[in-house]
Amino acid sequence: MNILAIDTSGRQGSVALARGDAHSYEVLEFRPLAGGMYSAELVPRISDVLGARKLANSDVDLFAVCSGPGSFTGLRVGLSAVKALAEVLRKPIVACTVLEAICAGASQGVNTKGHVLAALDAQRGEVFCGEFEVDGTSATRISETLSTMNEFTAWLGARVPVPAVYTPDEMVAMKIRASGTPVHMVARPAADSYARIGLTKFLSGQAVTTEELDADYIRRSDAEIFSASKK
């Protein structure tokens, strides 16, 4: 199965082509995407990774995409491209959040089981938090929320036992450590991570249709907040 994965959620993005099935997985091609250039670079990078393996769009068997949280504009670019391609080619889609990918990736090769938390800098003194039940490399979502950093660290300190917390953001890690809670630094997931998770979720029957695919912003857009404040 050929998997095309796209991540346009953060300051830097990526496109990956992977191949796998129930018994094997390998990344065939990987291309970075420059932040702020997603609308201009995404389609050429997709062509690059497919062309490097002499594949056509129709040779893609599964699309995997990061659904958020992250840049509103970036997510719209990535999700719109996947929707368009999957609709025309009639291929399945699997969506995965950044928080889910952090938890699933953190447990690879460690055989981690139980509650795991992912924390992501949401700016404005806030943090995105994802709580997952992890079993090996799969992560089942319990909740994904937005809170202030102070609320998050207070909530963490009240947990008994304190769950494992993973973050790719140094500032978030510093705040958590300062509260007396252990935290593990990890790399931010990229398109190759979403390809692997996409394959796992597809094999377990978690594909979505183009109509069902939507962004997991968690936070409302500034336009929505401003509009609500004027009512």
C-alpha atoms as a PDB file:
ATOM      1  CA  MET A   1       0.000   0.000   0.000  1.00  0.00           C
ATOM      2  CA  ASN A   2       1.342   3.432  -0.987  1.00  0.00           C
ATOM      3  CA  ILE A   3       0.632   6.125   1.611  1.00  0.00           C
ATOM      4  CA  LEU A   4       0.926   9.850   0.886  1.00  0.00           C
ATOM      5  CA  ALA A   5       1.113  11.919   4.076  1.00  0.00           C
ATOM      6  CA  ILE A   6       0.858  15.684   4.487  1.00  0.00           C
ATOM      7  CA  ASP A   7       1.581  17.925   7.480  1.00  0.00           C
ATOM      8  CA  THR A   8       0.880  21.664   7.203  1.00  0.00           C
ATOM      9  CA  SER A   9       0.014  22.269  10.864  1.00  0.00           C
ATOM     10  CA  GLY A  10       3.116  24.069  12.114  1.00  0.00           C
ATOM     11  CA  ARG A  11       5.724  26.662  11.208  1.00  0.00           C
ATOM     12  CA  GLN A  12       7.413  24.040   9.020  1.00  0.00           C
ATOM     13  CA  GLY A  13       5.587  21.287   7.158  1.00  0.00           C
ATOM     14  CA  SER A  14       6.382  18.191   5.151  1.00  0.00           C
ATOM     15  CA  VAL A  15       5.199  15.615   2.631  1.00  0.00           C
ATOM     16  CA  ALA A  16       6.100  11.929   2.807  1.00  0.00           C
ATOM     17  CA  LEU A  17       5.549   8.866   0.681  1.00  0.00           C
ATOM     18  CA  ALA A  18       5.599   5.524   2.475  1.00  0.00           C
ATOM     19  CA  ARG A  19       4.777   1.926   1.688  1.00  0.00           C
ATOM     20  CA  GLY A  20       3.431  -0.599   4.129  1.00  0.00           C
ATOM     21  CA  ASP A  21       0.985  -3.275   5.142  1.00  0.00           C
ATOM     22  CA  ALA A  22       0.132  -5.232   8.270  1.00  0.00           C
ATOM     23  CA  HIS A  23       3.668  -6.634   8.442  1.00  0.00           C
ATOM     24  CA  SER A  24       6.023  -3.949   7.140  1.00  0.00           C
ATOM     25  CA  TYR A  25       6.477  -0.196   6.783  1.00  0.00           C
ATOM     26  CA  GLU A  26       9.084   1.989   5.101  1.00  0.00           C
ATOM     27  CA  VAL A  27       9.402   5.658   4.216  1.00  0.00           C
ATOM     28  CA  LEU A  28      10.210   6.007   0.518  1.00  0.00           C
ATOM     29  CA  GLU A  29      10.466   9.784   0.120  1.00  0.00           C
ATOM     30  CA  PHE A  30      10.332  12.854   2.359  1.00  0.00           C
ATOM     31  CA  ARG A  31      10.222  16.548   1.443  1.00  0.00           C
ATOM     32  CA  PRO A  32      10.081  19.563   3.794  1.00  0.00           C
ATOM     33  CA  LEU A  33       7.678  22.434   3.237  1.00  0.00           C
ATOM     34  CA  ALA A  34       8.723  25.991   4.067  1.00  0.00           C
ATOM     35  CA  GLY A  35       6.496  27.791   6.536  1.00  0.00           C
ATOM     36  CA  GLY A  36       4.297  30.436   4.952  1.00  0.00           C
ATOM     37  CA  MET A  37       4.702  28.817   1.533  1.00  0.00           C
ATOM     38  CA  TYR A  38       2.308  25.877   1.815  1.00  0.00           C
ATOM     39  CA  SER A  39      -0.128  27.008  -0.867  1.00  0.00           C
ATOM     40  CA  ALA A  40       2.748  27.463  -3.334  1.00  0.00           C
ATOM     41  CA  GLU A  41       4.885  24.448  -2.385  1.00  0.00           C
ATOM     42  CA  LEU A  42       2.459  21.655  -1.486  1.00  0.00           C
ATOM     43  CA  VAL A  43       1.428  20.483  -4.959  1.00  0.00           C
ATOM     44  CA  PRO A  44       5.014  20.612  -6.368  1.00  0.00           C
ATOM     45  CA  ARG A  45       6.327  18.639  -3.367  1.00  0.00           C
ATOM     46  CA  ILE A  46       3.616  16.000  -3.855  1.00  0.00           C
ATOM     47  CA  SER A  47       4.700  15.706  -7.475  1.00  0.00           C
ATOM     48  CA  ASP A  48       8.334  15.448  -6.326  1.00  0.00           C
ATOM     49  CA  VAL A  49       7.813  12.513  -3.965  1.00  0.00           C
ATOM     50  CA  LEU A  50       5.655  10.599  -6.429  1.00  0.00           C
ATOM     51  CA  GLY A  51       7.911  11.363  -9.389  1.00  0.00           C
ATOM     52  CA  ALA A  52      10.988  10.191  -7.480  1.00  0.00           C
ATOM     53  CA  ARG A  53       9.402   6.725  -7.399  1.00  0.00           C
ATOM     54  CA  LYS A  54       7.868   6.983 -10.887  1.00  0.00           C
ATOM     55  CA  LEU A  55       4.375   6.902  -9.423  1.00  0.00           C
ATOM     56  CA  ALA A  56       1.235   8.741 -10.522  1.00  0.00           C
ATOM     57  CA  ASN A  57      -1.433  10.248  -8.279  1.00  0.00           C
ATOM     58  CA  SER A  58      -3.586   7.197  -8.987  1.00  0.00           C
ATOM     59  CA  ASP A  59      -0.905   4.939  -7.454  1.00  0.00           C
ATOM     60  CA  VAL A  60      -1.584   6.398  -4.001  1.00  0.00           C
ATOM     61  CA  ASP A  61      -3.692   3.938  -1.989  1.00  0.00           C
ATOM     62  CA  LEU A  62      -4.163   6.000   1.178  1.00  0.00           C
ATOM     63  CA  PHE A  63      -3.909   9.648   2.188  1.00  0.00           C
ATOM     64  CA  ALA A  64      -2.806  10.525   5.719  1.00  0.00           C
ATOM     65  CA  VAL A  65      -3.046  14.089   6.974  1.00  0.00           C
ATOM     66  CA  CYS A  66      -2.409  16.073  10.136  1.00  0.00           C
ATOM     67  CA  SER A  67      -5.735  17.623  11.154  1.00  0.00           C
ATOM     68  CA  GLY A  68      -4.462  20.047  13.834  1.00  0.00           C
ATOM     69  CA  PRO A  69      -4.218  21.858  16.078  1.00  0.00           C
ATOM     70  CA  GLY A  70      -2.134  24.504  14.388  1.00  0.00           C
ATOM     71  CA  SER A  71      -2.177  27.280  11.837  1.00  0.00           C
ATOM     72  CA  PHE A  72      -5.701  27.890  10.549  1.00  0.00           C
ATOM     73  CA  THR A  73      -4.411  28.808   7.089  1.00  0.00           C
ATOM     74  CA  GLY A  74      -1.880  25.977   6.951  1.00  0.00           C
ATOM     75  CA  LEU A  75      -4.399  23.348   7.993  1.00  0.00           C
ATOM     76  CA  ARG A  76      -6.906  24.543   5.408  1.00  0.00           C
ATOM     77  CA  VAL A  77      -4.273  24.216   2.657  1.00  0.00           C
ATOM     78  CA  GLY A  78      -3.340  20.654   3.625  1.00  0.00           C
ATOM     79  CA  LEU A  79      -6.850  19.399   4.267  1.00  0.00           C
ATOM     80  CA  SER A  80      -8.235  20.965   1.088  1.00  0.00           C
ATOM     81  CA  ALA A  81      -5.515  19.309  -1.006  1.00  0.00           C
ATOM     82  CA  VAL A  82      -6.180  15.901   0.541  1.00  0.00           C
ATOM     83  CA  LYS A  83      -9.934  16.269   0.103  1.00  0.00           C
ATOM     84  CA  ALA A  84      -9.545  17.202  -3.558  1.00  0.00           C
ATOM     85  CA  LEU A  85      -7.143  14.363  -4.367  1.00  0.00           C
ATOM     86  CA  ALA A  86      -9.070  11.727  -2.423  1.00  0.00           C
ATOM     87  CA  GLU A  87     -12.358  12.816  -4.006  1.00  0.00           C
ATOM     88  CA  VAL A  88     -11.035  12.644  -7.560  1.00  0.00           C
ATOM     89  CA  LEU A  89      -9.075   9.418  -7.042  1.00  0.00           C
ATOM     90  CA  ARG A  90     -11.688   7.807  -4.757  1.00  0.00           C
ATOM     91  CA  LYS A  91      -9.089   6.855  -2.173  1.00  0.00           C
ATOM     92  CA  PRO A  92      -9.467   6.614   1.639  1.00  0.00           C
ATOM     93  CA  ILE A  93      -8.219   9.206   4.129  1.00  0.00           C
ATOM     94  CA  VAL A  94      -6.932   8.899   7.669  1.00  0.00           C
ATOM     95  CA  ALA A  95      -6.612  11.994   9.859  1.00  0.00           C
ATOM     96  CA  CYS A  96      -4.397  12.329  12.930  1.00  0.00           C
ATOM     97  CA  THR A  97      -3.821  15.213  15.332  1.00  0.00           C
ATOM     98  CA  VAL A  98      -0.401  16.461  16.390  1.00  0.00           C
ATOM     99  CA  LEU A  99      -1.183  15.448  19.980  1.00  0.00           C
ATOM    100  CA  GLU A 100      -2.079  11.912  18.935  1.00  0.00           C
ATOM    101  CA  ALA A 101       1.097  11.619  16.877  1.00  0.00           C
ATOM    102  CA  ILE A 102       3.226  12.801  19.807  1.00  0.00           C
ATOM    103  CA  CYS A 103       1.763  10.128  22.098  1.00  0.00           C
ATOM    104  CA  ALA A 104       1.903   7.352  19.509  1.00  0.00           C
ATOM    105  CA  GLY A 105       5.449   8.248  18.497  1.00  0.00           C
ATOM    106  CA  ALA A 106       6.718   8.552  22.058  1.00  0.00           C
ATOM    107  CA  SER A 107       5.836   4.927  22.739  1.00  0.00           C
ATOM    108  CA  GLN A 108       7.483   3.406  19.656  1.00  0.00           C
ATOM    109  CA  GLY A 109       9.834   0.631  20.644  1.00  0.00           C
ATOM    110  CA  VAL A 110       9.155   1.181  24.346  1.00  0.00           C
ATOM    111  CA  ASN A 111       5.993  -0.921  24.618  1.00  0.00           C
ATOM    112  CA  THR A 112       4.356   1.870  26.609  1.00  0.00           C
ATOM    113  CA  LYS A 113       0.875   1.219  27.968  1.00  0.00           C
ATOM    114  CA  GLY A 114      -1.545   3.362  29.905  1.00  0.00           C
ATOM    115  CA  HIS A 115      -2.319   7.065  30.129  1.00  0.00           C
ATOM    116  CA  VAL A 116       0.022   9.395  28.268  1.00  0.00           C
ATOM    117  CA  LEU A 117      -0.236  13.167  27.858  1.00  0.00           C
ATOM    118  CA  ALA A 118       0.963  15.366  25.008  1.00  0.00           C
ATOM    119  CA  ALA A 119       1.413  19.108  25.514  1.00  0.00           C
ATOM    120  CA  LEU A 120       1.828  21.628  22.701  1.00  0.00           C
ATOM    121  CA  ASP A 121       2.505  25.344  22.877  1.00  0.00           C
ATOM    122  CA  ALA A 122      -0.681  27.201  21.911  1.00  0.00           C
ATOM    123  CA  GLN A 123       0.871  30.675  22.356  1.00  0.00           C
ATOM    124  CA  ARG A 124      -0.831  33.403  24.422  1.00  0.00           C
ATOM    125  CA  GLY A 125       0.159  31.615  27.653  1.00  0.00           C
ATOM    126  CA  GLU A 126      -1.970  28.625  26.693  1.00  0.00           C
ATOM    127  CA  VAL A 127      -1.295  24.964  25.984  1.00  0.00           C
ATOM    128  CA  PHE A 128      -2.977  22.283  23.911  1.00  0.00           C
ATOM    129  CA  CYS A 129      -3.228  19.084  25.941  1.00  0.00           C
ATOM    130  CA  GLY A 130      -4.059  15.626  24.637  1.00  0.00           C
ATOM    131  CA  GLU A 131      -4.745  12.693  26.927  1.00  0.00           C
ATOM    132  CA  PHE A 132      -4.492   9.270  25.331  1.00  0.00           C
ATOM    133  CA  GLU A 133      -4.594   5.606  26.238  1.00  0.00           C
ATOM    134  CA  VAL A 134      -1.499   4.143  24.615  1.00  0.00           C
ATOM    135  CA  ASP A 135      -0.848   0.514  23.766  1.00  0.00           C
ATOM    136  CA  GLY A 136       2.369   0.024  21.839  1.00  0.00           C
ATOM    137  CA  THR A 137       2.290   2.424  18.874  1.00  0.00           C
ATOM    138  CA  SER A 138      -1.472   3.078  18.887  1.00  0.00           C
ATOM    139  CA  ALA A 139      -3.069   5.902  20.853  1.00  0.00           C
ATOM    140  CA  THR A 140      -6.773   6.134  21.694  1.00  0.00           C
ATOM    141  CA  ARG A 141      -7.971   9.652  22.418  1.00  0.00           C
ATOM    142  CA  ILE A 142      -9.525  10.409  25.787  1.00  0.00           C
ATOM    143  CA  SER A 143      -9.590  14.187  25.387  1.00  0.00           C
ATOM    144  CA  GLU A 144      -7.940  17.115  23.621  1.00  0.00           C
ATOM    145  CA  THR A 145      -8.319  20.491  25.282  1.00  0.00           C
ATOM    146  CA  LEU A 146      -7.019  24.058  25.446  1.00  0.00           C
ATOM    147  CA  SER A 147      -6.148  25.612  28.803  1.00  0.00           C
ATOM    148  CA  THR A 148      -3.853  28.207  30.324  1.00  0.00           C
ATOM    149  CA  MET A 149      -0.412  26.983  31.284  1.00  0.00           C
ATOM    150  CA  ASN A 150      -1.166  27.626  34.967  1.00  0.00           C
ATOM    151  CA  GLU A 151      -4.376  25.603  34.797  1.00  0.00           C
ATOM    152  CA  PHE A 152      -2.571  22.778  33.022  1.00  0.00           C
ATOM    153  CA  THR A 153       0.330  22.533  35.489  1.00  0.00           C
ATOM    154  CA  ALA A 154      -2.078  22.709  38.453  1.00  0.00           C
ATOM    155  CA  TRP A 155      -4.156  19.920  36.932  1.00  0.00           C
ATOM    156  CA  LEU A 156      -1.016  17.847  36.349  1.00  0.00           C
ATOM    157  CA  GLY A 157       0.138  18.304  39.930  1.00  0.00           C
ATOM    158  CA  ALA A 158      -3.177  16.986  41.231  1.00  0.00           C
ATOM    159  CA  ARG A 159      -2.977  13.727  39.230  1.00  0.00           C
ATOM    160  CA  VAL A 160      -2.071  10.569  41.173  1.00  0.00           C
ATOM    161  CA  PRO A 161      -0.064   8.992  39.760  1.00  0.00           C
ATOM    162  CA  VAL A 162       1.288  11.706  37.447  1.00  0.00           C
ATOM    163  CA  PRO A 163       1.069  10.434  33.853  1.00  0.00           C
ATOM    164  CA  ALA A 164       3.965  10.583  31.409  1.00  0.00           C
ATOM    165  CA  VAL A 165       3.988  13.964  29.640  1.00  0.00           C
ATOM    166  CA  TYR A 166       5.599  14.519  26.230  1.00  0.00           C
ATOM    167  CA  THR A 167       6.164  17.792  24.390  1.00  0.00           C
ATOM    168  CA  PRO A 168       8.228  19.043  21.434  1.00  0.00           C
ATOM    169  CA  ASP A 169       8.252  22.591  22.815  1.00  0.00           C
ATOM    170  CA  GLU A 170      11.091  23.672  25.128  1.00  0.00           C
ATOM    171  CA  MET A 171       9.084  26.521  26.667  1.00  0.00           C
ATOM    172  CA  VAL A 172       6.267  24.146  27.609  1.00  0.00           C
ATOM    173  CA  ALA A 173       8.785  21.681  29.054  1.00  0.00           C
ATOM    174  CA  MET A 174      10.378  24.429  31.163  1.00  0.00           C
ATOM    175  CA  LYS A 175       7.007  25.450  32.621  1.00  0.00           C
ATOM    176  CA  ILE A 176       6.089  21.857  33.435  1.00  0.00           C
ATOM    177  CA  ARG A 177       9.468  21.161  35.065  1.00  0.00           C
ATOM    178  CA  ALA A 178       9.132  24.359  37.110  1.00  0.00           C
ATOM    179  CA  SER A 179       5.866  23.032  38.521  1.00  0.00           C
ATOM    180  CA  GLY A 180       7.666  19.920  39.762  1.00  0.00           C
ATOM    181  CA  THR A 181       6.252  17.513  37.180  1.00  0.00           C
ATOM    182  CA  PRO A 182       8.507  15.275  35.033  1.00  0.00           C
ATOM    183  CA  VAL A 183       8.331  15.861  31.277  1.00  0.00           C
ATOM    184  CA  HIS A 184       9.922  14.232  28.226  1.00  0.00           C
ATOM    185  CA  MET A 185      11.118  16.246  25.229  1.00  0.00           C
ATOM    186  CA  VAL A 186      10.370  14.686  21.822  1.00  0.00           C
ATOM    187  CA  ALA A 187      10.671  15.804  18.211  1.00  0.00           C
ATOM    188  CA  ARG A 188       7.598  17.354  16.649  1.00  0.00           C
ATOM    189  CA  PRO A 189       5.939  14.761  14.393  1.00  0.00           C
ATOM    190  CA  ALA A 190       6.377  15.207  10.643  1.00  0.00           C
ATOM    191  CA  ALA A 191       4.707  13.687   7.586  1.00  0.00           C
ATOM    192  CA  ASP A 192       6.531  10.359   7.930  1.00  0.00           C
ATOM    193  CA  SER A 193       4.986   9.951  11.399  1.00  0.00           C
ATOM    194  CA  TYR A 194       1.510  10.632  10.037  1.00  0.00           C
ATOM    195  CA  ALA A 195       2.060   8.071   7.288  1.00  0.00           C
ATOM    196  CA  ARG A 196       2.901   5.373   9.844  1.00  0.00           C
ATOM    197  CA  ILE A 197      -0.033   6.241  12.094  1.00  0.00           C
ATOM    198  CA  GLY A 198      -2.294   6.540   9.073  1.00  0.00           C
ATOM    199  CA  LEU A 199      -1.473   2.982   8.029  1.00  0.00           C
ATOM    200  CA  THR A 200      -2.137   1.660  11.541  1.00  0.00           C
ATOM    201  CA  LYS A 201      -5.469   3.478  11.777  1.00  0.00           C
ATOM    202  CA  PHE A 202      -6.525   2.413   8.279  1.00  0.00           C
ATOM    203  CA  LEU A 203      -5.836  -1.245   9.058  1.00  0.00           C
ATOM    204  CA  SER A 204      -8.018  -0.919  12.161  1.00  0.00           C
ATOM    205  CA  GLY A 205     -10.896   0.562  10.146  1.00  0.00           C
ATOM    206  CA  GLN A 206     -10.491   4.242  11.063  1.00  0.00           C
ATOM    207  CA  ALA A 207     -10.555   5.826   7.606  1.00  0.00           C
ATOM    208  CA  VAL A 208     -12.797   8.847   6.990  1.00  0.00           C
ATOM    209  CA  THR A 209     -14.596  10.175   3.934  1.00  0.00           C
ATOM    210  CA  THR A 210     -13.931  13.568   2.350  1.00  0.00           C
ATOM    211  CA  GLU A 211     -17.178  14.802   3.933  1.00  0.00           C
ATOM    212  CA  GLU A 212     -16.069  13.646   7.383  1.00  0.00           C
ATOM    213  CA  LEU A 213     -12.557  15.096   7.178  1.00  0.00           C
ATOM    214  CA  ASP A 214     -12.315  18.297   9.179  1.00  0.00           C
ATOM    215  CA  ALA A 215      -9.719  20.323  11.062  1.00  0.00           C
ATOM    216  CA  ASP A 216      -9.186  19.786  14.789  1.00  0.00           C
ATOM    217  CA  TYR A 217      -8.472  23.397  15.651  1.00  0.00           C
ATOM    218  CA  ILE A 218      -9.385  22.969  19.367  1.00  0.00           C
ATOM    219  CA  ARG A 219      -9.161  26.775  19.675  1.00  0.00           C
ATOM    220  CA  ARG A 220     -11.645  28.997  17.862  1.00  0.00           C
ATOM    221  CA  SER A 221     -10.261  31.351  15.240  1.00  0.00           C
ATOM    222  CA  ASP A 222      -9.666  35.019  16.066  1.00  0.00           C
ATOM    223  CA  ALA A 223     -12.535  35.905  13.710  1.00  0.00           C
ATOM    224  CA  GLU A 224     -14.943  33.690  15.651  1.00  0.00           C
ATOM    225  CA  ILE A 225     -13.772  35.067  19.000  1.00  0.00           C
ATOM    226  CA  PHE A 226     -14.060  38.665  17.794  1.00  0.00           C
ATOM    227  CA  SER A 227     -17.495  38.050  16.296  1.00  0.00           C
ATOM    228  CA  ALA A 228     -18.765  36.461  19.514  1.00  0.00           C
ATOM    229  CA  SER A 229     -17.463  39.361  21.619  1.00  0.00           C
ATOM    230  CA  LYS A 230     -19.520  41.866  19.590  1.00  0.00           C
ATOM    231  CA  LYS A 231     -22.820  40.078  20.171  1.00  0.00           C
END
